[in-house]
PDB file of all heavy atoms in Angstrom:
ATOM      1  N   ALA A   1     171.657 -15.112 -93.416  1.00  0.00           N
ATOM      2  CA  ALA A   1     172.640 -15.496 -94.432  1.00  0.00           C
ATOM      3  C   ALA A   1     172.898 -14.356 -95.402  1.00  0.00           C
ATOM      4  O   ALA A   1     172.974 -14.549 -96.610  1.00  0.00           O
ATOM      5  CB  ALA A   1     172.162 -16.742 -95.167  1.00  0.00           C
ATOM      6  N   THR A   2     173.044 -13.130 -94.900  1.00  0.00           N
ATOM      7  CA  THR A   2     173.265 -11.981 -95.776  1.00  0.00           C
ATOM      8  C   THR A   2     174.592 -12.086 -96.514  1.00  0.00           C
ATOM      9  O   THR A   2     174.760 -11.487 -97.576  1.00  0.00           O
ATOM     10  CB  THR A   2     173.239 -10.677 -94.965  1.00  0.00           C
ATOM     11  OG1 THR A   2     174.199 -10.787 -93.896  1.00  0.00           O
ATOM     12  CG2 THR A   2     171.864 -10.434 -94.362  1.00  0.00           C
ATOM     13  N   TYR A   3     175.548 -12.840 -95.978  1.00  0.00           N
ATOM     14  CA  TYR A   3     176.842 -12.989 -96.634  1.00  0.00           C
ATOM     15  C   TYR A   3     176.729 -13.793 -97.926  1.00  0.00           C
ATOM     16  O   TYR A   3     177.677 -13.881 -98.700  1.00  0.00           O
ATOM     17  CB  TYR A   3     177.851 -13.654 -95.692  1.00  0.00           C
ATOM     18  CG  TYR A   3     177.452 -15.036 -95.214  1.00  0.00           C
ATOM     19  CD1 TYR A   3     177.911 -16.184 -95.853  1.00  0.00           C
ATOM     20  CD2 TYR A   3     176.603 -15.195 -94.122  1.00  0.00           C
ATOM     21  CE1 TYR A   3     177.548 -17.445 -95.427  1.00  0.00           C
ATOM     22  CE2 TYR A   3     176.233 -16.455 -93.679  1.00  0.00           C
ATOM     23  CZ  TYR A   3     176.701 -17.572 -94.340  1.00  0.00           C
ATOM     24  OH  TYR A   3     176.330 -18.821 -93.904  1.00  0.00           O
ATOM     25  N   LEU A   4     175.538 -14.375 -98.167  1.00  0.00           N
ATOM     26  CA  LEU A   4     175.307 -15.103 -99.416  1.00  0.00           C
ATOM     27  C   LEU A   4     174.623 -14.242-100.473  1.00  0.00           C
ATOM     28  O   LEU A   4     174.400 -14.701-101.592  1.00  0.00           O
ATOM     29  CB  LEU A   4     174.454 -16.349 -99.153  1.00  0.00           C
ATOM     30  CG  LEU A   4     174.983 -17.368 -98.137  1.00  0.00           C
ATOM     31  CD1 LEU A   4     174.031 -18.553 -98.040  1.00  0.00           C
ATOM     32  CD2 LEU A   4     176.380 -17.839 -98.516  1.00  0.00           C
ATOM     33  N   ASP A   5     174.310 -12.988-100.108  1.00  0.00           N
ATOM     34  CA  ASP A   5     173.532 -12.155-101.027  1.00  0.00           C
ATOM     35  C   ASP A   5     174.275 -11.833-102.321  1.00  0.00           C
ATOM     36  O   ASP A   5     173.661 -11.535-103.340  1.00  0.00           O
ATOM     37  CB  ASP A   5     173.129 -10.842-100.334  1.00  0.00           C
ATOM     38  CG  ASP A   5     172.071 -11.069 -99.255  1.00  0.00           C
ATOM     39  OD1 ASP A   5     171.507 -12.184 -99.216  1.00  0.00           O
ATOM     40  OD2 ASP A   5     171.837 -10.149 -98.451  1.00  0.00           O
ATOM     41  N   GLY A   6     175.603 -11.875-102.290  1.00  0.00           N
ATOM     42  CA  GLY A   6     176.372 -11.561-103.484  1.00  0.00           C
ATOM     43  C   GLY A   6     176.468 -12.709-104.478  1.00  0.00           C
ATOM     44  O   GLY A   6     177.039 -12.547-105.559  1.00  0.00           O
ATOM     45  N   LEU A   7     175.913 -13.869-104.122  1.00  0.00           N
ATOM     46  CA  LEU A   7     175.972 -15.035-105.011  1.00  0.00           C
ATOM     47  C   LEU A   7     174.788 -15.034-105.972  1.00  0.00           C
ATOM     48  O   LEU A   7     173.694 -14.579-105.625  1.00  0.00           O
ATOM     49  CB  LEU A   7     175.956 -16.320-104.188  1.00  0.00           C
ATOM     50  CG  LEU A   7     177.069 -16.487-103.139  1.00  0.00           C
ATOM     51  CD1 LEU A   7     176.842 -17.762-102.334  1.00  0.00           C
ATOM     52  CD2 LEU A   7     178.435 -16.510-103.802  1.00  0.00           C
ATOM     53  N   ASN A   8     174.978 -15.571-107.166  1.00  0.00           N
ATOM     54  CA  ASN A   8     173.843 -15.711-108.073  1.00  0.00           C
ATOM     55  C   ASN A   8     173.031 -16.947-107.652  1.00  0.00           C
ATOM     56  O   ASN A   8     173.477 -17.737-106.815  1.00  0.00           O
ATOM     57  CB  ASN A   8     174.304 -15.763-109.542  1.00  0.00           C
ATOM     58  CG  ASN A   8     175.126 -16.999-109.881  1.00  0.00           C
ATOM     59  OD1 ASN A   8     174.805 -18.112-109.445  1.00  0.00           O
ATOM     60  ND2 ASN A   8     176.171 -16.818-110.687  1.00  0.00           N
ATOM     61  N   PRO A   9     171.831 -17.142-108.194  1.00  0.00           N
ATOM     62  CA  PRO A   9     170.967 -18.231-107.712  1.00  0.00           C
ATOM     63  C   PRO A   9     171.604 -19.617-107.795  1.00  0.00           C
ATOM     64  O   PRO A   9     171.444 -20.430-106.874  1.00  0.00           O
ATOM     65  CB  PRO A   9     169.737 -18.130-108.623  1.00  0.00           C
ATOM     66  CG  PRO A   9     169.689 -16.692-109.025  1.00  0.00           C
ATOM     67  CD  PRO A   9     171.122 -16.264-109.144  1.00  0.00           C
ATOM     68  N   GLU A  10     172.333 -19.900-108.872  1.00  0.00           N
ATOM     69  CA  GLU A  10     172.954 -21.218-108.998  1.00  0.00           C
ATOM     70  C   GLU A  10     174.087 -21.396-107.982  1.00  0.00           C
ATOM     71  O   GLU A  10     174.234 -22.473-107.389  1.00  0.00           O
ATOM     72  CB  GLU A  10     173.493 -21.411-110.421  1.00  0.00           C
ATOM     73  CG  GLU A  10     172.430 -21.515-111.504  1.00  0.00           C
ATOM     74  CD  GLU A  10     171.800 -20.174-111.839  1.00  0.00           C
ATOM     75  OE1 GLU A  10     172.440 -19.130-111.590  1.00  0.00           O
ATOM     76  OE2 GLU A  10     170.658 -20.168-112.348  1.00  0.00           O
ATOM     77  N   GLN A  11     174.897 -20.365-107.807  1.00  0.00           N
ATOM     78  CA  GLN A  11     175.958 -20.435-106.804  1.00  0.00           C
ATOM     79  C   GLN A  11     175.372 -20.660-105.418  1.00  0.00           C
ATOM     80  O   GLN A  11     175.863 -21.481-104.637  1.00  0.00           O
ATOM     81  CB  GLN A  11     176.790 -19.148-106.822  1.00  0.00           C
ATOM     82  CG  GLN A  11     177.637 -18.962-108.065  1.00  0.00           C
ATOM     83  CD  GLN A  11     178.305 -17.601-108.106  1.00  0.00           C
ATOM     84  OE1 GLN A  11     177.787 -16.631-107.544  1.00  0.00           O
ATOM     85  NE2 GLN A  11     179.448 -17.517-108.770  1.00  0.00           N
ATOM     86  N   ARG A  12     174.317 -19.941-105.102  1.00  0.00           N
ATOM     87  CA  ARG A  12     173.701 -20.066-103.777  1.00  0.00           C
ATOM     88  C   ARG A  12     173.111 -21.464-103.587  1.00  0.00           C
ATOM     89  O   ARG A  12     173.174 -22.042-102.496  1.00  0.00           O
ATOM     90  CB  ARG A  12     172.625 -18.995-103.594  1.00  0.00           C
ATOM     91  CG  ARG A  12     172.034 -18.976-102.201  1.00  0.00           C
ATOM     92  CD  ARG A  12     171.429 -17.649-101.845  1.00  0.00           C
ATOM     93  NE  ARG A  12     170.938 -17.663-100.477  1.00  0.00           N
ATOM     94  CZ  ARG A  12     170.670 -16.574 -99.781  1.00  0.00           C
ATOM     95  NH1 ARG A  12     170.866 -15.376-100.316  1.00  0.00           N
ATOM     96  NH2 ARG A  12     170.207 -16.653 -98.544  1.00  0.00           N
ATOM     97  N   CYS A  13     172.538 -21.997-104.647  1.00  0.00           N
ATOM     98  CA  CYS A  13     171.994 -23.360-104.582  1.00  0.00           C
ATOM     99  C   CYS A  13     173.096 -24.356-104.230  1.00  0.00           C
ATOM    100  O   CYS A  13     172.910 -25.253-103.397  1.00  0.00           O
ATOM    101  CB  CYS A  13     171.352 -23.711-105.917  1.00  0.00           C
ATOM    102  SG  CYS A  13     170.599 -25.349-105.981  1.00  0.00           S
ATOM    103  N   ALA A  14     174.267 -24.195-104.853  1.00  0.00           N
ATOM    104  CA  ALA A  14     175.394 -25.089-104.564  1.00  0.00           C
ATOM    105  C   ALA A  14     175.883 -24.908-103.136  1.00  0.00           C
ATOM    106  O   ALA A  14     176.226 -25.883-102.452  1.00  0.00           O
ATOM    107  CB  ALA A  14     176.529 -24.822-105.554  1.00  0.00           C
ATOM    108  N   VAL A  15     175.926 -23.676-102.666  1.00  0.00           N
ATOM    109  CA  VAL A  15     176.420 -23.378-101.316  1.00  0.00           C
ATOM    110  C   VAL A  15     175.493 -23.962-100.257  1.00  0.00           C
ATOM    111  O   VAL A  15     175.944 -24.521 -99.245  1.00  0.00           O
ATOM    112  CB  VAL A  15     176.571 -21.851-101.138  1.00  0.00           C
ATOM    113  CG1 VAL A  15     176.769 -21.489 -99.666  1.00  0.00           C
ATOM    114  CG2 VAL A  15     177.741 -21.334-101.969  1.00  0.00           C
ATOM    115  N   GLU A  16     174.198 -23.878-100.463  1.00  0.00           N
ATOM    116  CA  GLU A  16     173.238 -24.258 -99.424  1.00  0.00           C
ATOM    117  C   GLU A  16     172.838 -25.725 -99.477  1.00  0.00           C
ATOM    118  O   GLU A  16     172.164 -26.221 -98.567  1.00  0.00           O
ATOM    119  CB  GLU A  16     171.980 -23.381 -99.547  1.00  0.00           C
ATOM    120  CG  GLU A  16     172.251 -21.910 -99.251  1.00  0.00           C
ATOM    121  CD  GLU A  16     171.004 -21.046 -99.358  1.00  0.00           C
ATOM    122  OE1 GLU A  16     170.156 -21.329-100.244  1.00  0.00           O
ATOM    123  OE2 GLU A  16     170.873 -20.104 -98.577  1.00  0.00           O
ATOM    124  N   HIS A  17     173.251 -26.447-100.505  1.00  0.00           N
ATOM    125  CA  HIS A  17     172.835 -27.846-100.675  1.00  0.00           C
ATOM    126  C   HIS A  17     173.136 -28.683 -99.427  1.00  0.00           C
ATOM    127  O   HIS A  17     174.284 -28.801 -98.995  1.00  0.00           O
ATOM    128  CB  HIS A  17     173.549 -28.462-101.875  1.00  0.00           C
ATOM    129  CG  HIS A  17     173.424 -29.953-101.947  1.00  0.00           C
ATOM    130  ND1 HIS A  17     172.292 -30.583-102.433  1.00  0.00           N
ATOM    131  CD2 HIS A  17     174.280 -30.950-101.579  1.00  0.00           C
ATOM    132  CE1 HIS A  17     172.464 -31.891-102.372  1.00  0.00           C
ATOM    133  NE2 HIS A  17     173.660 -32.144-101.856  1.00  0.00           N
ATOM    134  N   GLY A  18     172.098 -29.276 -98.865  1.00  0.00           N
ATOM    135  CA  GLY A  18     172.244 -30.239 -97.776  1.00  0.00           C
ATOM    136  C   GLY A  18     172.713 -29.689 -96.456  1.00  0.00           C
ATOM    137  O   GLY A  18     172.867 -30.451 -95.487  1.00  0.00           O
ATOM    138  N   VAL A  19     172.981 -28.387 -96.366  1.00  0.00           N
ATOM    139  CA  VAL A  19     173.469 -27.814 -95.105  1.00  0.00           C
ATOM    140  C   VAL A  19     172.361 -27.878 -94.061  1.00  0.00           C
ATOM    141  O   VAL A  19     171.221 -27.477 -94.310  1.00  0.00           O
ATOM    142  CB  VAL A  19     173.942 -26.360 -95.308  1.00  0.00           C
ATOM    143  CG1 VAL A  19     174.338 -25.734 -93.968  1.00  0.00           C
ATOM    144  CG2 VAL A  19     175.109 -26.319 -96.279  1.00  0.00           C
ATOM    145  N   GLY A  20     172.695 -28.401 -92.892  1.00  0.00           N
ATOM    146  CA  GLY A  20     171.710 -28.540 -91.817  1.00  0.00           C
ATOM    147  C   GLY A  20     171.018 -29.881 -91.801  1.00  0.00           C
ATOM    148  O   GLY A  20     170.366 -30.233 -90.819  1.00  0.00           O
ATOM    149  N   GLN A  21     171.155 -30.678 -92.867  1.00  0.00           N
ATOM    150  CA  GLN A  21     170.560 -32.013 -92.879  1.00  0.00           C
ATOM    151  C   GLN A  21     171.443 -32.987 -92.106  1.00  0.00           C
ATOM    152  O   GLN A  21     172.660 -32.808 -92.011  1.00  0.00           O
ATOM    153  CB  GLN A  21     170.387 -32.510 -94.319  1.00  0.00           C
ATOM    154  CG  GLN A  21     169.444 -31.665 -95.164  1.00  0.00           C
ATOM    155  CD  GLN A  21     169.292 -32.214 -96.570  1.00  0.00           C
ATOM    156  OE1 GLN A  21     169.606 -33.368 -96.838  1.00  0.00           O
ATOM    157  NE2 GLN A  21     168.803 -31.380 -97.479  1.00  0.00           N
ATOM    158  N   SER A  22     170.834 -34.010 -91.553  1.00  0.00           N
ATOM    159  CA  SER A  22     171.604 -34.997 -90.791  1.00  0.00           C
ATOM    160  C   SER A  22     172.590 -35.742 -91.687  1.00  0.00           C
ATOM    161  O   SER A  22     173.669 -36.132 -91.265  1.00  0.00           O
ATOM    162  CB  SER A  22     170.658 -35.988 -90.111  1.00  0.00           C
ATOM    163  OG  SER A  22     169.820 -36.611 -91.076  1.00  0.00           O
ATOM    164  N   SER A  23     172.211 -35.942 -92.939  1.00  0.00           N
ATOM    165  CA  SER A  23     173.112 -36.567 -93.899  1.00  0.00           C
ATOM    166  C   SER A  23     173.053 -35.770 -95.188  1.00  0.00           C
ATOM    167  O   SER A  23     171.985 -35.653 -95.810  1.00  0.00           O
ATOM    168  CB  SER A  23     172.708 -38.017 -94.174  1.00  0.00           C
ATOM    169  OG  SER A  23     173.548 -38.593 -95.149  1.00  0.00           O
ATOM    170  N   CYS A  24     174.180 -35.212 -95.582  1.00  0.00           N
ATOM    171  CA  CYS A  24     174.225 -34.344 -96.763  1.00  0.00           C
ATOM    172  C   CYS A  24     174.426 -35.191 -98.010  1.00  0.00           C
ATOM    173  O   CYS A  24     175.453 -35.856 -98.158  1.00  0.00           O
ATOM    174  CB  CYS A  24     175.359 -33.337 -96.607  1.00  0.00           C
ATOM    175  SG  CYS A  24     175.506 -32.195 -97.989  1.00  0.00           S
ATOM    176  N   PRO A  25     173.471 -35.200 -98.959  1.00  0.00           N
ATOM    177  CA  PRO A  25     173.609 -36.014-100.170  1.00  0.00           C
ATOM    178  C   PRO A  25     174.791 -35.545-101.018  1.00  0.00           C
ATOM    179  O   PRO A  25     175.209 -34.386-100.923  1.00  0.00           O
ATOM    180  CB  PRO A  25     172.278 -35.789-100.902  1.00  0.00           C
ATOM    181  CG  PRO A  25     171.353 -35.192 -99.898  1.00  0.00           C
ATOM    182  CD  PRO A  25     172.209 -34.446 -98.936  1.00  0.00           C
ATOM    183  N   PRO A  26     175.330 -36.432-101.866  1.00  0.00           N
ATOM    184  CA  PRO A  26     176.458 -36.034-102.722  1.00  0.00           C
ATOM    185  C   PRO A  26     176.057 -34.944-103.700  1.00  0.00           C
ATOM    186  O   PRO A  26     174.919 -34.882-104.168  1.00  0.00           O
ATOM    187  CB  PRO A  26     176.838 -37.331-103.441  1.00  0.00           C
ATOM    188  CG  PRO A  26     175.626 -38.201-103.367  1.00  0.00           C
ATOM    189  CD  PRO A  26     174.941 -37.845-102.083  1.00  0.00           C
ATOM    190  N   LEU A  27     177.034 -34.080-104.016  1.00  0.00           N
ATOM    191  CA  LEU A  27     176.777 -32.922-104.873  1.00  0.00           C
ATOM    192  C   LEU A  27     177.878 -32.806-105.919  1.00  0.00           C
ATOM    193  O   LEU A  27     179.065 -32.898-105.602  1.00  0.00           O
ATOM    194  CB  LEU A  27     176.741 -31.645-104.027  1.00  0.00           C
ATOM    195  CG  LEU A  27     176.687 -30.303-104.789  1.00  0.00           C
ATOM    196  CD1 LEU A  27     175.358 -30.159-105.533  1.00  0.00           C
ATOM    197  CD2 LEU A  27     176.891 -29.124-103.826  1.00  0.00           C
ATOM    198  N   LEU A  28     177.482 -32.607-107.169  1.00  0.00           N
ATOM    199  CA  LEU A  28     178.409 -32.311-108.252  1.00  0.00           C
ATOM    200  C   LEU A  28     178.116 -30.903-108.757  1.00  0.00           C
ATOM    201  O   LEU A  28     177.004 -30.610-109.188  1.00  0.00           O
ATOM    202  CB  LEU A  28     178.233 -33.314-109.401  1.00  0.00           C
ATOM    203  CG  LEU A  28     178.939 -32.983-110.723  1.00  0.00           C
ATOM    204  CD1 LEU A  28     180.448 -32.902-110.545  1.00  0.00           C
ATOM    205  CD2 LEU A  28     178.576 -34.009-111.804  1.00  0.00           C
ATOM    206  N   VAL A  29     179.118 -30.025-108.673  1.00  0.00           N
ATOM    207  CA  VAL A  29     178.984 -28.659-109.177  1.00  0.00           C
ATOM    208  C   VAL A  29     179.755 -28.567-110.486  1.00  0.00           C
ATOM    209  O   VAL A  29     180.986 -28.685-110.506  1.00  0.00           O
ATOM    210  CB  VAL A  29     179.525 -27.629-108.163  1.00  0.00           C
ATOM    211  CG1 VAL A  29     179.350 -26.209-108.720  1.00  0.00           C
ATOM    212  CG2 VAL A  29     178.814 -27.762-106.828  1.00  0.00           C
ATOM    213  N   ILE A  30     179.034 -28.410-111.596  1.00  0.00           N
ATOM    214  CA  ILE A  30     179.660 -28.207-112.895  1.00  0.00           C
ATOM    215  C   ILE A  30     179.888 -26.711-113.045  1.00  0.00           C
ATOM    216  O   ILE A  30     178.950 -25.938-113.232  1.00  0.00           O
ATOM    217  CB  ILE A  30     178.771 -28.737-114.036  1.00  0.00           C
ATOM    218  CG1 ILE A  30     178.549 -30.244-113.883  1.00  0.00           C
ATOM    219  CG2 ILE A  30     179.401 -28.421-115.389  1.00  0.00           C
ATOM    220  CD1 ILE A  30     179.812 -31.066-114.000  1.00  0.00           C
TER     221      ILE A  30
END
């Protein structure tokens, strides 16, 4: 996932949330 290296930690957290899980929980990005 080197294409994510330019993101800050919070941005990356939002990007990776639930990816790969069978059911992705709801996400609110403020």
